[in-house]
Protein backbone atom coordinates (compact mmCIF):
# COMPACT_ATOMS: atom_id res chain seq x y z
CA GLN A 1 11.93 -10.18 -17.85
CA ALA A 2 9.37 -11.82 -15.54
CA ILE A 3 10.01 -12.84 -11.96
CA PRO A 4 8.55 -16.21 -10.94
CA LYS A 5 5.65 -15.93 -8.55
CA HIS A 6 7.47 -17.79 -5.78
CA GLU A 7 10.24 -15.15 -5.78
CA ILE A 8 7.89 -12.24 -5.11
CA ALA A 9 7.61 -11.41 -1.43
CA SER A 10 4.08 -11.95 -0.12
CA SER A 11 2.26 -9.17 1.69
CA LEU A 12 -0.41 -9.65 4.32
CA SER A 13 -3.72 -7.88 4.49
CA PRO A 14 -3.31 -4.24 5.59
CA PHE A 15 -5.58 -5.06 8.54
CA GLU A 16 -3.56 -7.91 10.07
CA ALA A 17 -2.31 -5.64 12.86
CA GLU A 18 -5.84 -4.88 14.12
CA ASN A 19 -6.46 -6.70 17.38
CA ASP A 20 -10.21 -6.18 17.71
CA ASP A 21 -11.98 -8.79 15.57
CA ILE A 22 -15.15 -6.79 14.99
CA THR A 23 -13.18 -3.70 13.98
CA ARG A 24 -11.07 -5.76 11.61
CA ARG A 25 -14.16 -7.35 10.05
CA LEU A 26 -15.75 -3.93 9.58
CA MET A 27 -12.65 -2.54 7.91
CA ILE A 28 -12.32 -5.53 5.58
CA ALA A 29 -15.98 -5.27 4.68
CA ALA A 30 -15.73 -1.52 4.07
CA VAL A 31 -12.83 -2.09 1.67
CA ASP A 32 -14.66 -4.88 -0.14
CA VAL A 33 -17.88 -2.85 -0.52
CA VAL A 34 -16.11 0.31 -1.72
CA ALA A 35 -13.69 -1.58 -3.98
CA GLY A 36 -16.56 -3.49 -5.56
CA SER A 37 -19.24 -0.81 -5.88
CA GLY A 38 -17.63 2.56 -5.26
CA LEU A 39 -17.66 4.96 -2.35
CA ALA A 40 -21.01 6.51 -3.22
CA ALA A 41 -22.77 3.12 -3.15
CA ALA A 42 -21.46 2.19 0.30
CA SER A 43 -23.59 2.42 3.44
CA MET A 44 -23.07 1.35 7.05
CA LEU A 45 -25.85 -1.20 6.74
CA ARG A 46 -24.28 -2.70 3.63
CA VAL A 47 -20.85 -2.85 5.27
CA CYS A 48 -22.33 -4.52 8.37
CA ARG A 49 -24.07 -7.10 6.20
CA ALA A 50 -20.83 -7.82 4.34
CA ALA A 51 -19.07 -8.22 7.70
CA ARG A 52 -21.93 -10.47 8.93
CA LEU A 53 -22.51 -8.12 11.85
CA THR A 54 -25.50 -6.17 13.11
CA PRO A 55 -25.40 -2.34 13.14
CA GLY A 56 -25.55 -2.64 16.91
CA ALA A 57 -22.14 -4.32 16.93
CA ALA A 58 -20.66 -1.46 14.87
CA ASN A 59 -22.22 1.47 16.73
CA PRO A 60 -19.97 1.36 19.85
CA ARG A 61 -16.93 1.51 17.59
CA PHE A 62 -17.98 3.86 14.77
CA ALA A 63 -20.78 6.40 14.84
CA ASP A 64 -21.20 6.36 11.09
CA LEU A 65 -19.64 5.14 7.87
CA ARG A 66 -17.41 8.21 7.56
CA SER A 67 -15.74 7.56 10.91
CA LEU A 68 -15.17 3.94 9.87
CA HIS A 69 -13.58 5.06 6.60
CA ASP A 70 -11.39 7.57 8.41
CA TYR A 71 -10.16 4.87 10.74
CA ALA A 72 -9.81 2.15 8.12
CA PHE A 73 -7.93 4.29 5.60
CA ALA A 74 -5.46 5.73 8.10
CA ASN A 75 -4.81 2.39 9.78
CA ALA A 76 -4.50 0.47 6.53
CA LEU A 77 -2.08 3.06 5.19
CA ALA A 78 0.00 2.89 8.37
CA ASP A 79 0.07 -0.90 8.22
CA VAL A 80 1.20 -0.86 4.58
CA VAL A 81 4.03 1.43 5.72
CA ARG A 82 4.93 -1.14 8.37
CA GLN A 83 4.90 -3.94 5.81
CA ASN A 84 7.06 -1.91 3.43
CA ARG A 85 9.53 -1.28 6.22
CA GLU A 86 9.72 -5.01 6.93
CA VAL A 87 10.43 -5.68 3.26
CA PHE A 88 13.08 -2.98 3.05
CA VAL A 89 14.83 -3.50 6.39
CA ASP A 90 14.19 -7.07 7.50
CA ARG A 91 13.73 -9.27 4.43
CA ALA A 92 16.57 -8.04 2.25
CA PRO A 93 19.16 -6.19 4.37
CA LEU A 94 22.09 -7.36 2.18
CA GLN A 95 20.60 -6.25 -1.13
CA SER A 96 21.32 -2.89 -2.72
CA ILE A 97 19.00 0.02 -2.01
CA PRO A 98 17.43 0.10 -5.51
CA ASP A 99 16.84 -3.67 -5.38
CA ARG A 100 15.06 -3.27 -2.06
CA ALA A 101 13.01 -0.41 -3.51
CA ALA A 102 12.01 -2.72 -6.37
CA LEU A 103 11.03 -5.33 -3.78
CA ILE A 104 8.69 -2.82 -2.12
CA SER A 105 7.18 -2.03 -5.52
CA LEU A 106 6.51 -5.69 -6.19
CA SER A 107 4.99 -6.11 -2.73
CA SER A 108 2.71 -3.11 -3.40
CA MET A 109 1.52 -4.75 -6.62
CA SER A 110 0.86 -8.16 -5.12
CA ASP A 111 -2.46 -9.96 -5.54
CA GLU A 112 -3.08 -9.67 -1.79
CA ARG A 113 -3.39 -5.88 -2.09
CA VAL A 114 -5.84 -5.76 -5.02
CA GLN A 115 -8.82 -4.74 -2.88
CA TRP A 116 -6.75 -2.20 -0.99
CA ARG A 117 -5.58 -0.56 -4.24
CA LEU A 118 -9.15 -0.38 -5.56
CA TYR A 119 -10.28 1.08 -2.21
CA ARG A 120 -7.63 3.79 -2.45
CA GLN A 121 -8.53 4.61 -6.01
CA GLU A 122 -12.19 5.15 -5.05
CA PHE A 123 -11.10 7.50 -2.28
CA HIS A 124 -8.87 9.53 -4.57
CA ILE A 125 -11.69 9.84 -7.13
CA ALA A 126 -14.24 10.86 -4.49
CA ALA A 127 -11.82 13.35 -2.91
CA CYS A 128 -11.84 15.40 -6.11
CA ALA A 129 -15.36 16.55 -5.25
CA ASP A 130 -15.22 16.32 -1.42
CA PRO A 131 -12.90 18.79 0.35
CA ASP A 132 -13.32 17.09 3.71
CA LEU A 133 -12.37 13.73 2.27
CA ALA A 134 -9.43 15.32 0.46
CA ARG A 135 -8.18 16.75 3.78
CA MET A 136 -8.49 13.33 5.44
CA LEU A 137 -6.47 11.70 2.66
CA HIS A 138 -3.86 14.46 2.82
CA ASP A 139 -3.44 14.18 6.58
CA ALA A 140 -3.20 10.37 6.53
CA ILE A 141 -0.76 10.23 3.65
CA THR A 142 1.39 13.09 4.93
CA ALA A 143 1.73 11.53 8.37
CA THR A 144 2.72 8.12 7.03
CA ASP A 145 5.06 9.63 4.43
CA LYS A 146 7.03 11.34 7.20
CA GLN A 147 7.32 8.02 9.01
CA SER A 148 8.42 6.21 5.84
CA ILE A 149 11.06 8.83 5.03
CA GLU A 150 12.56 8.65 8.53
CA GLU A 151 12.75 4.84 8.37
CA LEU A 152 14.39 4.89 4.96
CA ARG A 153 16.80 7.60 6.07
CA ALA A 154 17.79 5.48 9.08
CA VAL A 155 18.98 2.61 6.84
CA GLY A 156 21.13 4.84 4.65
CA VAL A 157 18.91 5.75 1.73
CA PRO A 158 20.38 8.92 0.07
CA GLU A 159 18.42 12.11 0.58
CA SER A 160 18.11 12.61 -3.20
CA ILE A 161 15.85 9.57 -3.62
CA LEU A 162 14.00 9.40 -0.28
CA THR A 163 10.92 11.17 -1.58
CA LEU A 164 11.06 9.30 -4.90
CA ILE A 165 10.85 5.89 -3.22
CA VAL A 166 7.89 6.97 -1.08
CA LEU A 167 6.16 8.56 -4.09
CA TRP A 168 6.63 5.39 -6.12
CA THR A 169 4.71 3.37 -3.51
CA HIS A 170 1.76 5.74 -3.90
CA VAL A 171 1.89 5.48 -7.68
CA ALA A 172 1.90 1.68 -7.41
CA ALA A 173 -0.98 1.68 -4.95
CA THR A 174 -3.24 3.92 -7.02
CA GLY A 175 -2.34 3.09 -10.59
CA VAL A 176 -1.49 -0.58 -10.86
CA ALA A 177 -5.07 -1.88 -11.08
CA ALA A 178 -5.70 0.15 -14.22
CA VAL A 179 -2.54 -1.22 -15.87
CA LEU A 180 -3.33 -4.80 -14.88
CA ALA A 181 -6.81 -4.41 -16.35
CA LEU A 182 -5.15 -3.91 -19.75
CA GLY A 183 -3.56 -7.33 -19.44
CA ILE A 184 -0.04 -6.08 -18.78
CA PRO A 185 1.55 -8.33 -16.13
CA LEU A 186 3.18 -5.40 -14.33
CA SER A 187 3.28 -7.19 -10.98
CA GLU A 188 5.50 -9.93 -12.44
CA MET A 189 8.02 -7.76 -14.24
CA ASP A 190 11.56 -7.38 -12.90
CA ALA A 191 11.74 -3.71 -11.93
CA ARG A 192 15.24 -3.93 -10.44
CA PRO A 193 17.09 -2.64 -13.55
CA VAL A 194 14.85 0.44 -13.61
CA PHE A 195 15.41 1.19 -9.94
CA ARG A 196 19.15 0.65 -10.33
CA TRP A 197 19.27 3.10 -13.22
CA LEU A 198 17.25 5.71 -11.31
CA PHE A 199 19.49 5.29 -8.26
CA GLU A 200 22.66 5.77 -10.26
CA ALA A 201 21.23 8.70 -12.25
CA LEU A 202 20.03 10.54 -9.14
CA THR A 203 22.90 9.83 -6.78
CA GLY A 204 25.90 9.35 -9.04
CA GLU A 205 26.71 6.16 -7.13
CA VAL A 206 27.33 2.84 -8.86
CA VAL A 207 25.07 0.05 -7.64
CA VAL A 208 26.95 -2.93 -6.23
CA GLY A 209 25.62 -6.44 -5.72
CA VAL A 210 23.43 -6.36 -8.84
CA GLU A 211 23.72 -10.09 -9.10
CA SER A 212 21.55 -10.55 -5.97
CA GLU A 213 18.24 -12.28 -6.40
CA LEU A 214 14.89 -11.64 -4.77
CA PRO A 215 14.44 -13.92 -1.75
CA PRO A 216 11.99 -16.81 -2.10
CA ARG A 217 8.58 -16.59 -0.44
């Protein structure tokens, strides 16, 4: 079953929370360059050109491309966590927990996050051969996972599925682009029945309010 586009909650750029315009432009450019050409092909000069900035504008903020990536990845990940919290807590407080988890999944697979997903994929690939990069990814993901789990726990998500919901968001972020490339419209499928089944199987609780619909955009 497909969900109409207008019923899928929109998600903003992961960099909307950045107040400094130059920093935001550099982060967006870094994501675009890496998503389009890969991490190995990126350079500070290329990122600056994509951001329509001179290297002199970037130097006071980031000493090199690695420091920009460290900042961009951690901040983007934290902002995605914030957006997911808004979806789960603010947009659909009356829906069942598995329906809200499905809503987060749809938000993670939205068109607005295509570049971010590709950016993450490039980092995961590069981290396989770069221990320092792997540690950076581990630290950023671990820190935000703890935050996500605490926020989900606060709204009554059972302990048995806390980690599963957080893990699912990572799977969506890193694997969806490959599925979409096969022509499977995963981002438009109604995942609520799957999440309801998982919830009931893992908790033994019967989902109520299954007739609820996703809120319009």
